[in-house]
Amino acid sequence: MTVENKFVFKLYITGHTHTSERAIENLRRICKKEFDGNYHIVIIDVLECPQMAENEKILATPTLIKEVPPPCRRIIGDLSDEKQLLSKLNLSSPKSKEEV
């Protein structure tokens, strides 16, 4: 999936658990803050779409995959540490660049 000029994230979750809901909220908050609408989020529940999870070799949830821009990166967890998330996904937000 590509969305021109946007960051593309896939978030794999398992049902509507507290951890899943927290990961969704954290991802939306961080994207809204850091990427000013320049992002697309796809949320995939592995209970509803097990084949997609198998195709992506998802072993634990929540798992976030940054597909665009390359390179593809993955992180597992509830995404509560914003700095760690941006660092592990090899992202520097447009806002961070403006502050320099």
Protein backbone atom coordinates (compact mmCIF):
# COMPACT_ATOMS: atom_id res chain seq x y z
CA MET A 1 0.00 0.00 0.00
CA THR A 2 1.37 3.39 -0.90
CA VAL A 3 -0.09 6.77 -0.22
CA GLU A 4 1.75 9.50 -2.08
CA ASN A 5 3.85 11.76 0.17
CA LYS A 6 2.59 10.16 3.37
CA PHE A 7 3.97 7.96 6.08
CA VAL A 8 2.19 4.59 5.98
CA PHE A 9 1.82 2.59 9.19
CA LYS A 10 0.22 -0.81 9.77
CA LEU A 11 -0.66 -1.63 13.36
CA TYR A 12 -1.41 -5.29 14.14
CA ILE A 13 -3.48 -5.82 17.28
CA THR A 14 -5.31 -8.71 18.94
CA GLY A 15 -8.91 -7.81 19.69
CA HIS A 16 -10.06 -4.86 21.77
CA THR A 17 -7.74 -5.34 24.73
CA HIS A 18 -6.39 -2.59 26.95
CA THR A 19 -2.95 -2.97 25.33
CA SER A 20 -4.39 -2.82 21.81
CA GLU A 21 -6.45 0.27 22.58
CA ARG A 22 -3.45 1.97 24.20
CA ALA A 23 -1.26 1.24 21.16
CA ILE A 24 -3.91 2.69 18.82
CA GLU A 25 -4.30 5.82 20.95
CA ASN A 26 -0.53 6.30 21.26
CA LEU A 27 0.06 5.88 17.53
CA ARG A 28 -2.71 8.32 16.61
CA ARG A 29 -1.47 10.87 19.16
CA ILE A 30 2.14 10.66 17.98
CA CYS A 31 1.21 10.83 14.29
CA LYS A 32 -1.10 13.79 14.84
CA LYS A 33 1.59 15.61 16.82
CA GLU A 34 4.58 14.77 14.64
CA PHE A 35 3.30 14.37 11.08
CA ASP A 36 0.52 16.98 10.69
CA GLY A 37 -1.88 14.75 8.76
CA ASN A 38 0.93 13.48 6.53
CA TYR A 39 0.27 9.85 7.47
CA HIS A 40 -2.02 6.90 6.85
CA ILE A 41 -2.73 4.29 9.54
CA VAL A 42 -4.13 0.82 8.86
CA ILE A 43 -5.23 -1.16 11.92
CA ILE A 44 -5.40 -4.93 11.46
CA ASP A 45 -6.94 -7.19 14.09
CA VAL A 46 -5.20 -10.56 13.80
CA LEU A 47 -8.33 -12.27 15.13
CA GLU A 48 -10.31 -10.94 12.16
CA CYS A 49 -7.54 -11.15 9.51
CA PRO A 50 -5.23 -14.00 10.51
CA GLN A 51 -3.92 -14.48 6.96
CA MET A 52 -2.63 -10.90 6.80
CA ALA A 53 -0.78 -11.42 10.08
CA GLU A 54 0.66 -14.69 8.81
CA ASN A 55 1.77 -13.07 5.55
CA GLU A 56 3.59 -10.36 7.53
CA LYS A 57 5.01 -12.96 9.96
CA ILE A 58 3.49 -11.21 12.98
CA LEU A 59 4.57 -13.12 16.09
CA ALA A 60 3.38 -10.71 18.81
CA THR A 61 0.92 -7.87 19.12
CA PRO A 62 0.72 -4.98 19.08
CA THR A 63 3.21 -4.76 16.21
CA LEU A 64 3.68 -1.56 14.23
CA ILE A 65 5.13 -1.66 10.73
CA LYS A 66 6.28 1.53 9.00
CA GLU A 67 5.98 0.73 5.30
CA VAL A 68 6.54 4.13 3.71
CA PRO A 69 8.99 5.75 3.41
CA PRO A 70 11.51 2.91 3.06
CA PRO A 71 13.14 1.13 4.70
CA CYS A 72 10.40 -0.90 6.33
CA ARG A 73 10.70 -0.95 10.15
CA ARG A 74 8.89 -2.84 12.93
CA ILE A 75 8.33 -2.25 16.61
CA ILE A 76 6.46 -4.36 19.15
CA GLY A 77 4.67 -2.88 22.15
CA ASP A 78 2.09 -0.30 23.17
CA LEU A 79 4.05 2.60 21.60
CA SER A 80 4.02 4.59 24.83
CA ASP A 81 7.59 5.91 24.51
CA GLU A 82 7.45 8.47 21.70
CA LYS A 83 11.20 9.12 21.44
CA GLN A 84 11.97 5.41 21.39
CA LEU A 85 9.29 4.81 18.76
CA LEU A 86 10.61 7.51 16.44
CA SER A 87 14.19 6.32 16.95
CA LYS A 88 13.49 2.61 16.40
CA LEU A 89 11.47 3.30 13.29
CA ASN A 90 14.32 5.47 12.02
CA LEU A 91 12.03 8.49 11.80
CA SER A 92 12.71 12.09 12.46
CA SER A 93 9.55 14.06 12.47
CA PRO A 94 9.12 17.19 10.35
CA LYS A 95 8.50 19.12 13.58
CA SER A 96 11.80 17.93 15.04
CA LYS A 97 13.63 19.19 11.96
CA GLU A 98 11.96 22.61 12.26
CA GLU A 99 13.17 22.99 15.84
CA VAL A 100 16.83 22.55 14.89
